[in-house]
């Protein structure tokens, strides 16, 4: 799965979690979204794991500096 495809599915997750509209763009980071705090981060990771049927190791998600890197991580996890 390519980054653009992952971002499109992430948009669906964002639409279900955030109250305000947040566009899932590669350069987006938690610092750009007021309601994206540590509790929201946990909710997002759980929703992403369910949506994409993947699991992350401790520290993997935190290492991603922006949504593009997170999308790449998701795509990597989905590889056979």
N, C-alpha and C. Protein backbone atom coordinates (compact mmCIF):
# COMPACT_ATOMS: atom_id res chain seq x y z
N UNK A 1 0.85 -1.18 0.00
CA UNK A 1 0.00 0.00 0.00
C UNK A 1 0.89 1.24 0.00
N UNK A 2 0.54 2.20 -0.83
CA UNK A 2 1.33 3.43 -0.94
C UNK A 2 0.89 4.45 0.11
N UNK A 3 1.77 5.44 0.34
CA UNK A 3 1.50 6.45 1.35
C UNK A 3 0.17 7.16 1.11
N UNK A 4 -0.13 7.48 -0.14
CA UNK A 4 -1.38 8.19 -0.46
C UNK A 4 -2.60 7.35 -0.08
N UNK A 5 -2.53 6.05 -0.29
CA UNK A 5 -3.63 5.16 0.07
C UNK A 5 -3.80 5.09 1.59
N UNK A 6 -2.68 5.02 2.30
CA UNK A 6 -2.72 5.00 3.75
C UNK A 6 -3.30 6.31 4.28
N UNK A 7 -2.87 7.43 3.71
CA UNK A 7 -3.38 8.73 4.14
C UNK A 7 -4.89 8.84 3.92
N UNK A 8 -5.39 8.28 2.83
CA UNK A 8 -6.83 8.31 2.57
C UNK A 8 -7.59 7.55 3.65
N UNK A 9 -7.06 6.40 4.07
CA UNK A 9 -7.70 5.64 5.14
C UNK A 9 -7.52 6.33 6.49
N UNK A 10 -6.38 6.99 6.68
CA UNK A 10 -6.18 7.76 7.91
C UNK A 10 -7.19 8.90 8.01
N UNK A 11 -7.56 9.47 6.87
CA UNK A 11 -8.56 10.54 6.88
C UNK A 11 -9.86 10.02 7.47
N UNK A 12 -10.23 8.79 7.14
CA UNK A 12 -11.44 8.19 7.69
C UNK A 12 -11.33 8.06 9.22
N UNK A 13 -10.15 7.66 9.69
CA UNK A 13 -9.92 7.56 11.14
C UNK A 13 -10.02 8.94 11.78
N UNK A 14 -9.37 9.93 11.18
CA UNK A 14 -9.41 11.30 11.70
C UNK A 14 -10.84 11.82 11.78
N UNK A 15 -11.62 11.56 10.72
CA UNK A 15 -13.00 12.03 10.69
C UNK A 15 -13.83 11.44 11.82
N UNK A 16 -13.48 10.23 12.25
CA UNK A 16 -14.21 9.58 13.32
C UNK A 16 -13.74 9.96 14.71
N UNK A 17 -12.56 10.54 14.83
CA UNK A 17 -11.98 10.83 16.14
C UNK A 17 -11.98 12.31 16.50
N UNK A 18 -11.54 13.14 15.57
CA UNK A 18 -11.43 14.58 15.87
C UNK A 18 -12.79 15.26 15.72
N UNK A 19 -13.06 16.22 16.60
CA UNK A 19 -14.30 16.98 16.53
C UNK A 19 -14.27 17.95 15.35
N UNK A 20 -13.12 18.62 15.18
CA UNK A 20 -12.93 19.55 14.08
C UNK A 20 -12.35 18.81 12.88
N UNK A 21 -12.56 19.32 11.69
CA UNK A 21 -12.01 18.71 10.48
C UNK A 21 -10.49 18.84 10.48
N UNK A 22 -9.79 17.73 10.34
CA UNK A 22 -8.33 17.71 10.28
C UNK A 22 -7.96 16.98 9.00
N UNK A 23 -7.25 17.66 8.10
CA UNK A 23 -6.83 17.04 6.83
C UNK A 23 -5.60 16.19 7.05
N UNK A 24 -5.68 14.93 6.64
CA UNK A 24 -4.56 13.99 6.78
C UNK A 24 -3.55 14.23 5.67
N UNK A 25 -2.58 15.10 5.94
CA UNK A 25 -1.53 15.43 4.98
C UNK A 25 -0.19 14.94 5.54
N UNK A 26 0.75 14.60 4.67
CA UNK A 26 2.04 14.04 5.13
C UNK A 26 2.78 14.93 6.12
N UNK A 27 2.69 16.23 5.98
CA UNK A 27 3.46 17.14 6.83
C UNK A 27 2.78 17.42 8.18
N UNK A 28 1.56 16.94 8.38
CA UNK A 28 0.81 17.19 9.61
C UNK A 28 1.48 16.52 10.81
N UNK A 29 1.50 17.24 11.94
CA UNK A 29 2.00 16.65 13.18
C UNK A 29 1.02 17.00 14.30
N UNK A 30 1.19 16.35 15.45
CA UNK A 30 0.30 16.60 16.59
C UNK A 30 0.33 18.06 17.01
N UNK A 31 1.47 18.71 16.86
CA UNK A 31 1.61 20.12 17.24
C UNK A 31 0.70 21.03 16.40
N UNK A 32 0.27 20.56 15.24
CA UNK A 32 -0.57 21.36 14.35
C UNK A 32 -2.06 21.31 14.71
N UNK A 33 -2.43 20.39 15.60
CA UNK A 33 -3.84 20.17 15.90
C UNK A 33 -4.07 20.39 17.40
N UNK A 34 -4.87 21.38 17.74
CA UNK A 34 -5.07 21.75 19.14
C UNK A 34 -5.57 20.60 20.00
N UNK A 35 -6.52 19.81 19.49
CA UNK A 35 -7.10 18.75 20.32
C UNK A 35 -6.29 17.46 20.33
N UNK A 36 -5.14 17.44 19.64
CA UNK A 36 -4.31 16.23 19.57
C UNK A 36 -3.34 16.22 20.74
N UNK A 37 -3.79 15.66 21.85
CA UNK A 37 -2.96 15.56 23.04
C UNK A 37 -2.58 14.09 23.27
N UNK A 38 -2.01 13.78 24.41
CA UNK A 38 -1.53 12.41 24.66
C UNK A 38 -2.67 11.39 24.69
N UNK A 39 -3.83 11.78 25.22
CA UNK A 39 -4.97 10.86 25.22
C UNK A 39 -5.50 10.63 23.81
N UNK A 40 -5.50 11.70 23.02
CA UNK A 40 -5.92 11.57 21.62
C UNK A 40 -4.94 10.68 20.85
N UNK A 41 -3.68 10.79 21.17
CA UNK A 41 -2.66 9.96 20.53
C UNK A 41 -2.96 8.47 20.77
N UNK A 42 -3.29 8.13 22.00
CA UNK A 42 -3.62 6.73 22.33
C UNK A 42 -4.85 6.28 21.55
N UNK A 43 -5.87 7.12 21.51
CA UNK A 43 -7.10 6.79 20.76
C UNK A 43 -6.80 6.59 19.28
N UNK A 44 -5.94 7.46 18.73
CA UNK A 44 -5.59 7.35 17.32
C UNK A 44 -4.84 6.05 17.02
N UNK A 45 -3.88 5.72 17.86
CA UNK A 45 -3.09 4.50 17.63
C UNK A 45 -4.00 3.27 17.68
N UNK A 46 -4.90 3.23 18.65
CA UNK A 46 -5.83 2.10 18.75
C UNK A 46 -6.72 2.03 17.52
N UNK A 47 -7.26 3.17 17.09
CA UNK A 47 -8.12 3.20 15.91
C UNK A 47 -7.36 2.78 14.65
N UNK A 48 -6.11 3.22 14.53
CA UNK A 48 -5.30 2.86 13.37
C UNK A 48 -4.99 1.36 13.38
N UNK A 49 -4.65 0.83 14.55
CA UNK A 49 -4.37 -0.61 14.64
C UNK A 49 -5.60 -1.43 14.24
N UNK A 50 -6.78 -0.97 14.62
CA UNK A 50 -8.01 -1.68 14.25
C UNK A 50 -8.33 -1.52 12.76
N UNK A 51 -8.19 -0.30 12.25
CA UNK A 51 -8.54 -0.02 10.85
C UNK A 51 -7.63 -0.78 9.88
N UNK A 52 -6.33 -0.78 10.18
CA UNK A 52 -5.36 -1.37 9.27
C UNK A 52 -4.97 -2.81 9.66
N UNK A 53 -5.48 -3.27 10.80
CA UNK A 53 -5.16 -4.61 11.29
C UNK A 53 -3.66 -4.82 11.44
N UNK A 54 -3.04 -3.86 12.12
CA UNK A 54 -1.60 -3.90 12.39
C UNK A 54 -1.38 -3.67 13.88
N UNK A 55 -0.17 -3.95 14.34
CA UNK A 55 0.23 -3.67 15.72
C UNK A 55 1.57 -2.94 15.67
N UNK A 56 1.77 -2.05 16.62
CA UNK A 56 3.01 -1.30 16.70
C UNK A 56 3.77 -1.67 17.95
N UNK A 57 5.09 -1.61 17.86
CA UNK A 57 5.94 -1.83 19.02
C UNK A 57 6.03 -0.53 19.82
N UNK A 58 6.38 -0.66 21.08
CA UNK A 58 6.55 0.51 21.94
C UNK A 58 7.60 1.43 21.32
N UNK A 59 7.28 2.70 21.19
CA UNK A 59 8.22 3.69 20.68
C UNK A 59 8.18 3.90 19.18
N UNK A 60 7.59 2.98 18.43
CA UNK A 60 7.57 3.13 16.97
C UNK A 60 6.77 4.36 16.53
N UNK A 61 5.59 4.49 17.07
CA UNK A 61 4.71 5.60 16.66
C UNK A 61 5.32 6.93 17.09
N UNK A 62 5.88 6.96 18.29
CA UNK A 62 6.47 8.20 18.80
C UNK A 62 7.67 8.64 17.97
N UNK A 63 8.32 7.71 17.30
CA UNK A 63 9.48 8.04 16.48
C UNK A 63 9.09 8.77 15.19
N UNK A 64 7.83 8.62 14.77
CA UNK A 64 7.37 9.29 13.55
C UNK A 64 7.21 10.79 13.84
N UNK A 65 7.86 11.63 13.04
CA UNK A 65 7.81 13.08 13.26
C UNK A 65 6.58 13.74 12.67
N UNK A 66 5.94 13.07 11.72
CA UNK A 66 4.75 13.64 11.09
C UNK A 66 3.88 12.51 10.55
N UNK A 67 2.75 12.86 9.98
CA UNK A 67 1.79 11.87 9.51
C UNK A 67 2.34 11.08 8.32
N UNK A 68 3.17 11.70 7.50
CA UNK A 68 3.78 10.98 6.38
C UNK A 68 4.65 9.83 6.86
N UNK A 69 5.45 10.08 7.90
CA UNK A 69 6.29 9.01 8.45
C UNK A 69 5.43 7.94 9.12
N UNK A 70 4.35 8.34 9.75
CA UNK A 70 3.44 7.37 10.37
C UNK A 70 2.77 6.52 9.28
N UNK A 71 2.37 7.15 8.18
CA UNK A 71 1.77 6.41 7.06
C UNK A 71 2.76 5.41 6.48
N UNK A 72 4.02 5.81 6.37
CA UNK A 72 5.05 4.89 5.88
C UNK A 72 5.22 3.71 6.83
N UNK A 73 5.15 3.97 8.12
CA UNK A 73 5.26 2.91 9.12
C UNK A 73 4.08 1.93 8.98
N UNK A 74 2.89 2.48 8.79
CA UNK A 74 1.70 1.63 8.61
C UNK A 74 1.88 0.76 7.36
N UNK A 75 2.31 1.37 6.27
CA UNK A 75 2.51 0.62 5.02
C UNK A 75 3.54 -0.48 5.21
N UNK A 76 4.60 -0.19 5.93
CA UNK A 76 5.64 -1.19 6.21
C UNK A 76 5.06 -2.35 7.01
N UNK A 77 4.25 -2.04 8.00
CA UNK A 77 3.62 -3.07 8.84
C UNK A 77 2.68 -3.97 8.03
N UNK A 78 2.11 -3.42 6.96
CA UNK A 78 1.14 -4.17 6.16
C UNK A 78 1.81 -5.06 5.12
N UNK A 79 3.10 -4.91 4.93
CA UNK A 79 3.80 -5.75 3.95
C UNK A 79 3.77 -7.21 4.39
N UNK A 80 3.62 -8.13 3.44
CA UNK A 80 3.58 -9.55 3.78
C UNK A 80 4.91 -10.08 4.29
